[in-house]
């Protein structure tokens, strides 16, 4: 196995890479397109004459990374929505408390007058 191919296989199979990093890597390989990056990796292995099993393994890893990216976006969007709801709730509560304090101050001022 050529040294470059071995290095690529090891890097693709490494664990612990974030989905965002893998997405960026695939986009870089594909000159801005993640799909083109996947295709370039597949073409590379095809031209190296690697067995179908190795090619399927590389594509499988890439597909898993893509799935993780998608799940990451879903979780991130859900967290974003929950954060927004918490902010709105807190601001409404603060606004209601402010209105209550204003009403009390107005009543006290009216009684003093």
N, C-alpha and C. Protein backbone atom coordinates (compact mmCIF):
# COMPACT_ATOMS: atom_id res chain seq x y z
N UNK A 1 0.85 -1.17 0.00
CA UNK A 1 0.00 0.00 0.00
C UNK A 1 0.90 1.23 0.00
N UNK A 2 0.66 2.18 -0.93
CA UNK A 2 1.45 3.41 -0.95
C UNK A 2 1.30 4.18 0.38
N UNK A 3 2.37 4.86 0.74
CA UNK A 3 2.40 5.58 2.02
C UNK A 3 1.27 6.60 2.12
N UNK A 4 1.02 7.37 1.04
CA UNK A 4 -0.05 8.37 1.07
C UNK A 4 -1.41 7.73 1.34
N UNK A 5 -1.66 6.61 0.71
CA UNK A 5 -2.93 5.91 0.89
C UNK A 5 -3.08 5.45 2.33
N UNK A 6 -2.00 4.93 2.90
CA UNK A 6 -2.04 4.48 4.28
C UNK A 6 -2.31 5.64 5.23
N UNK A 7 -1.68 6.77 4.98
CA UNK A 7 -1.89 7.96 5.82
C UNK A 7 -3.35 8.41 5.71
N UNK A 8 -3.87 8.47 4.49
CA UNK A 8 -5.26 8.88 4.29
C UNK A 8 -6.22 7.94 5.01
N UNK A 9 -5.99 6.65 4.89
CA UNK A 9 -6.85 5.66 5.57
C UNK A 9 -6.82 5.87 7.09
N UNK A 10 -5.64 6.09 7.64
CA UNK A 10 -5.51 6.30 9.08
C UNK A 10 -6.22 7.59 9.52
N UNK A 11 -6.07 8.64 8.76
CA UNK A 11 -6.71 9.91 9.10
C UNK A 11 -8.23 9.82 9.01
N UNK A 12 -8.73 9.15 7.99
CA UNK A 12 -10.19 8.99 7.84
C UNK A 12 -10.75 8.18 9.01
N UNK A 13 -10.01 7.15 9.43
CA UNK A 13 -10.50 6.26 10.47
C UNK A 13 -10.30 6.75 11.89
N UNK A 14 -9.59 7.87 12.06
CA UNK A 14 -9.36 8.38 13.41
C UNK A 14 -10.67 8.73 14.10
N UNK A 15 -10.70 8.49 15.40
CA UNK A 15 -11.87 8.84 16.20
C UNK A 15 -11.63 10.17 16.88
N UNK A 16 -12.71 10.80 17.31
CA UNK A 16 -12.61 12.01 18.12
C UNK A 16 -12.62 13.32 17.36
N UNK A 17 -12.79 13.26 16.04
CA UNK A 17 -12.87 14.50 15.28
C UNK A 17 -14.31 15.03 15.35
N UNK A 18 -14.43 16.34 15.52
CA UNK A 18 -15.77 16.91 15.58
C UNK A 18 -16.39 16.93 14.18
N UNK A 19 -17.70 16.93 14.15
CA UNK A 19 -18.41 16.97 12.87
C UNK A 19 -18.08 18.25 12.11
N UNK A 20 -17.96 19.35 12.83
CA UNK A 20 -17.65 20.62 12.17
C UNK A 20 -16.29 20.56 11.49
N UNK A 21 -15.30 19.95 12.14
CA UNK A 21 -13.97 19.85 11.54
C UNK A 21 -14.01 18.97 10.30
N UNK A 22 -14.70 17.84 10.38
CA UNK A 22 -14.77 16.94 9.23
C UNK A 22 -15.51 17.60 8.07
N UNK A 23 -16.55 18.35 8.36
CA UNK A 23 -17.27 19.06 7.30
C UNK A 23 -16.34 20.04 6.61
N UNK A 24 -15.58 20.79 7.41
CA UNK A 24 -14.65 21.75 6.83
C UNK A 24 -13.58 21.07 5.99
N UNK A 25 -13.09 19.94 6.47
CA UNK A 25 -12.07 19.19 5.72
C UNK A 25 -12.63 18.73 4.38
N UNK A 26 -13.83 18.16 4.40
CA UNK A 26 -14.44 17.68 3.16
C UNK A 26 -14.71 18.83 2.19
N UNK A 27 -15.13 19.98 2.73
CA UNK A 27 -15.36 21.15 1.87
C UNK A 27 -14.04 21.64 1.28
N UNK A 28 -12.97 21.60 2.07
CA UNK A 28 -11.66 22.02 1.58
C UNK A 28 -11.18 21.09 0.47
N UNK A 29 -11.32 19.80 0.70
CA UNK A 29 -10.91 18.81 -0.33
C UNK A 29 -11.72 19.02 -1.60
N UNK A 30 -13.01 19.33 -1.44
CA UNK A 30 -13.91 19.50 -2.59
C UNK A 30 -14.00 20.93 -3.10
N UNK A 31 -13.05 21.77 -2.74
CA UNK A 31 -13.05 23.17 -3.19
C UNK A 31 -14.39 23.86 -2.91
N UNK A 32 -14.87 23.71 -1.69
CA UNK A 32 -16.10 24.38 -1.27
C UNK A 32 -17.33 23.49 -1.25
N UNK A 33 -17.22 22.28 -1.76
CA UNK A 33 -18.36 21.36 -1.80
C UNK A 33 -18.02 20.08 -1.04
N UNK A 34 -18.80 19.81 0.00
CA UNK A 34 -18.58 18.59 0.78
C UNK A 34 -18.78 17.35 -0.09
N UNK A 35 -19.78 17.37 -0.95
CA UNK A 35 -20.04 16.24 -1.85
C UNK A 35 -18.88 15.98 -2.80
N UNK A 36 -18.29 17.07 -3.32
CA UNK A 36 -17.13 16.92 -4.20
C UNK A 36 -15.93 16.36 -3.43
N UNK A 37 -15.83 16.75 -2.15
CA UNK A 37 -14.74 16.22 -1.32
C UNK A 37 -14.86 14.72 -1.14
N UNK A 38 -16.08 14.26 -0.90
CA UNK A 38 -16.33 12.82 -0.77
C UNK A 38 -15.99 12.11 -2.08
N UNK A 39 -16.41 12.72 -3.19
CA UNK A 39 -16.14 12.13 -4.51
C UNK A 39 -14.64 12.05 -4.78
N UNK A 40 -13.90 13.09 -4.38
CA UNK A 40 -12.44 13.08 -4.61
C UNK A 40 -11.78 11.97 -3.81
N UNK A 41 -12.24 11.76 -2.58
CA UNK A 41 -11.68 10.67 -1.77
C UNK A 41 -11.98 9.33 -2.44
N UNK A 42 -13.22 9.16 -2.89
CA UNK A 42 -13.59 7.91 -3.56
C UNK A 42 -12.78 7.72 -4.83
N UNK A 43 -12.62 8.77 -5.62
CA UNK A 43 -11.82 8.68 -6.86
C UNK A 43 -10.38 8.32 -6.55
N UNK A 44 -9.85 8.89 -5.50
CA UNK A 44 -8.47 8.61 -5.11
C UNK A 44 -8.28 7.11 -4.84
N UNK A 45 -9.19 6.56 -4.05
CA UNK A 45 -9.08 5.13 -3.73
C UNK A 45 -9.32 4.25 -4.94
N UNK A 46 -10.22 4.68 -5.82
CA UNK A 46 -10.46 3.90 -7.04
C UNK A 46 -9.21 3.88 -7.92
N UNK A 47 -8.54 5.04 -8.03
CA UNK A 47 -7.35 5.10 -8.87
C UNK A 47 -6.17 4.35 -8.24
N UNK A 48 -6.20 4.18 -6.94
CA UNK A 48 -5.16 3.41 -6.26
C UNK A 48 -5.39 1.91 -6.43
N UNK A 49 -6.54 1.55 -6.93
CA UNK A 49 -6.84 0.14 -7.15
C UNK A 49 -7.16 -0.59 -5.87
N UNK A 50 -7.66 0.13 -4.87
CA UNK A 50 -8.00 -0.51 -3.59
C UNK A 50 -9.23 -1.37 -3.76
N UNK A 51 -9.34 -2.31 -2.90
CA UNK A 51 -10.48 -3.21 -2.97
C UNK A 51 -11.77 -2.46 -2.69
N UNK A 52 -12.85 -3.00 -3.18
CA UNK A 52 -14.16 -2.40 -2.98
C UNK A 52 -14.45 -2.26 -1.49
N UNK A 53 -14.01 -3.21 -0.72
CA UNK A 53 -14.25 -3.16 0.73
C UNK A 53 -13.62 -1.94 1.37
N UNK A 54 -12.40 -1.63 1.00
CA UNK A 54 -11.74 -0.45 1.55
C UNK A 54 -12.44 0.82 1.10
N UNK A 55 -12.82 0.87 -0.16
CA UNK A 55 -13.53 2.03 -0.68
C UNK A 55 -14.86 2.20 0.06
N UNK A 56 -15.58 1.10 0.23
CA UNK A 56 -16.85 1.18 0.95
C UNK A 56 -16.62 1.63 2.39
N UNK A 57 -15.53 1.19 2.98
CA UNK A 57 -15.21 1.61 4.34
C UNK A 57 -14.97 3.11 4.42
N UNK A 58 -14.21 3.63 3.47
CA UNK A 58 -13.93 5.07 3.45
C UNK A 58 -15.22 5.86 3.22
N UNK A 59 -16.03 5.39 2.30
CA UNK A 59 -17.29 6.07 2.03
C UNK A 59 -18.22 5.94 3.23
N UNK A 60 -18.22 4.77 3.87
CA UNK A 60 -19.04 4.57 5.07
C UNK A 60 -18.66 5.53 6.18
N UNK A 61 -17.36 5.69 6.40
CA UNK A 61 -16.90 6.62 7.43
C UNK A 61 -17.35 8.04 7.08
N UNK A 62 -17.22 8.40 5.82
CA UNK A 62 -17.62 9.73 5.38
C UNK A 62 -19.12 9.93 5.58
N UNK A 63 -19.90 8.89 5.29
CA UNK A 63 -21.35 9.00 5.47
C UNK A 63 -21.70 9.14 6.95
N UNK A 64 -20.99 8.42 7.81
CA UNK A 64 -21.24 8.54 9.25
C UNK A 64 -20.92 9.95 9.71
N UNK A 65 -19.82 10.50 9.21
CA UNK A 65 -19.46 11.88 9.56
C UNK A 65 -20.56 12.84 9.10
N UNK A 66 -21.08 12.62 7.91
CA UNK A 66 -22.17 13.47 7.40
C UNK A 66 -23.40 13.36 8.29
N UNK A 67 -23.72 12.15 8.72
CA UNK A 67 -24.86 11.94 9.60
C UNK A 67 -24.64 12.67 10.93
N UNK A 68 -23.44 12.55 11.47
CA UNK A 68 -23.12 13.24 12.72
C UNK A 68 -23.26 14.75 12.54
N UNK A 69 -22.82 15.26 11.39
CA UNK A 69 -22.97 16.69 11.11
C UNK A 69 -24.44 17.09 11.13
N UNK A 70 -25.26 16.29 10.49
CA UNK A 70 -26.69 16.58 10.45
C UNK A 70 -27.30 16.56 11.84
N UNK A 71 -26.96 15.54 12.62
CA UNK A 71 -27.48 15.45 13.98
C UNK A 71 -26.99 16.62 14.83
N UNK A 72 -25.74 17.00 14.64
CA UNK A 72 -25.18 18.14 15.38
C UNK A 72 -25.99 19.41 15.08
N UNK A 73 -26.34 19.61 13.80
CA UNK A 73 -27.12 20.79 13.43
C UNK A 73 -28.50 20.76 14.07
N UNK A 74 -29.13 19.59 14.09
CA UNK A 74 -30.46 19.46 14.70
C UNK A 74 -30.39 19.79 16.18
N UNK A 75 -29.40 19.22 16.87
CA UNK A 75 -29.25 19.47 18.31
C UNK A 75 -28.94 20.93 18.56
N UNK A 76 -28.07 21.49 17.75
CA UNK A 76 -27.70 22.90 17.91
C UNK A 76 -28.92 23.80 17.69
N UNK A 77 -29.73 23.51 16.67
CA UNK A 77 -30.94 24.29 16.41
C UNK A 77 -31.92 24.18 17.56
N UNK A 78 -32.06 22.98 18.14
CA UNK A 78 -32.98 22.80 19.26
C UNK A 78 -32.48 23.60 20.47
N UNK A 79 -31.18 23.55 20.73
CA UNK A 79 -30.61 24.30 21.84
C UNK A 79 -30.82 25.79 21.61
N UNK A 80 -30.62 26.23 20.38
CA UNK A 80 -30.82 27.63 20.03
C UNK A 80 -32.26 28.06 20.32
N UNK A 81 -33.20 27.21 19.94
CA UNK A 81 -34.62 27.52 20.17
C UNK A 81 -34.90 27.59 21.68
N UNK A 82 -34.38 26.63 22.44
CA UNK A 82 -34.58 26.63 23.89
C UNK A 82 -33.95 27.86 24.53
N UNK A 83 -32.77 28.24 24.07
CA UNK A 83 -32.13 29.44 24.59
C UNK A 83 -32.99 30.67 24.32
N UNK A 84 -33.55 30.74 23.11
CA UNK A 84 -34.42 31.86 22.75
C UNK A 84 -35.65 31.92 23.64
N UNK A 85 -36.26 30.76 23.89
CA UNK A 85 -37.45 30.72 24.76
C UNK A 85 -37.10 31.16 26.18
N UNK A 86 -35.94 30.76 26.66
CA UNK A 86 -35.51 31.15 28.01
C UNK A 86 -35.29 32.66 28.08
N UNK A 87 -34.67 33.22 27.05
CA UNK A 87 -34.43 34.66 27.02
C UNK A 87 -35.75 35.42 27.02
N UNK A 88 -36.69 34.99 26.17
CA UNK A 88 -38.00 35.64 26.10
C UNK A 88 -38.71 35.56 27.44
N UNK A 89 -38.71 34.37 28.03
CA UNK A 89 -39.37 34.17 29.32
C UNK A 89 -38.76 35.08 30.39
N UNK A 90 -37.46 35.15 30.44
CA UNK A 90 -36.78 35.98 31.44
C UNK A 90 -37.08 37.46 31.22
N UNK A 91 -37.07 37.88 29.96
CA UNK A 91 -37.35 39.29 29.67
C UNK A 91 -38.80 39.65 30.00
N UNK A 92 -39.72 38.73 29.69
CA UNK A 92 -41.13 38.98 30.03
C UNK A 92 -41.31 39.07 31.55
N UNK A 93 -40.64 38.18 32.27
CA UNK A 93 -40.73 38.18 33.73
C UNK A 93 -40.18 39.50 34.28
N UNK A 94 -39.04 39.93 33.77
CA UNK A 94 -38.44 41.19 34.22
C UNK A 94 -39.36 42.36 33.89
N UNK A 95 -39.97 42.32 32.73
CA UNK A 95 -40.88 43.38 32.31
C UNK A 95 -42.10 43.42 33.21
N UNK A 96 -42.65 42.24 33.53
CA UNK A 96 -43.82 42.16 34.41
C UNK A 96 -43.47 42.68 35.81
N UNK A 97 -42.30 42.31 36.32
CA UNK A 97 -41.86 42.79 37.63
C UNK A 97 -41.68 44.29 37.63
N UNK A 98 -41.15 44.82 36.53
CA UNK A 98 -40.94 46.25 36.40
C UNK A 98 -42.29 46.97 36.38
N UNK A 99 -43.26 46.41 35.66
CA UNK A 99 -44.60 47.00 35.61
C UNK A 99 -45.24 47.00 36.99
N UNK A 100 -45.05 45.92 37.75
CA UNK A 100 -45.60 45.82 39.10
C UNK A 100 -44.97 46.87 40.00
N UNK A 101 -43.67 47.02 39.93
CA UNK A 101 -42.98 48.04 40.74
C UNK A 101 -43.45 49.43 40.38
N UNK A 102 -43.64 49.67 39.08
CA UNK A 102 -44.12 50.98 38.63
C UNK A 102 -45.51 51.25 39.17
N UNK A 103 -46.38 50.25 39.17
CA UNK A 103 -47.75 50.40 39.68
C UNK A 103 -47.72 50.72 41.17
N UNK A 104 -46.88 50.02 41.91
CA UNK A 104 -46.77 50.26 43.36
C UNK A 104 -46.27 51.68 43.62
N UNK A 105 -45.25 52.09 42.88
CA UNK A 105 -44.71 53.46 43.06
C UNK A 105 -45.76 54.51 42.72
N UNK A 106 -46.56 54.27 41.67
CA UNK A 106 -47.61 55.21 41.31
C UNK A 106 -48.67 55.29 42.41
N UNK A 107 -49.03 54.15 42.99
CA UNK A 107 -50.01 54.16 44.08
C UNK A 107 -49.48 54.92 45.29
N UNK A 108 -48.24 54.71 45.64
CA UNK A 108 -47.63 55.39 46.78
C UNK A 108 -47.59 56.91 46.51
N UNK A 109 -47.22 57.30 45.30
CA UNK A 109 -47.15 58.70 44.94
C UNK A 109 -48.54 59.33 44.95
N UNK A 110 -49.57 58.61 44.50
CA UNK A 110 -50.93 59.13 44.50
C UNK A 110 -51.45 59.31 45.93
N UNK A 111 -51.11 58.40 46.84
CA UNK A 111 -51.54 58.50 48.23
C UNK A 111 -50.86 59.67 48.94
N UNK A 112 -49.62 59.94 48.60
CA UNK A 112 -48.89 61.02 49.22
C UNK A 112 -49.39 62.37 48.73
N UNK A 113 -49.96 62.42 47.54
CA UNK A 113 -50.40 63.70 46.98
C UNK A 113 -51.73 64.14 47.49
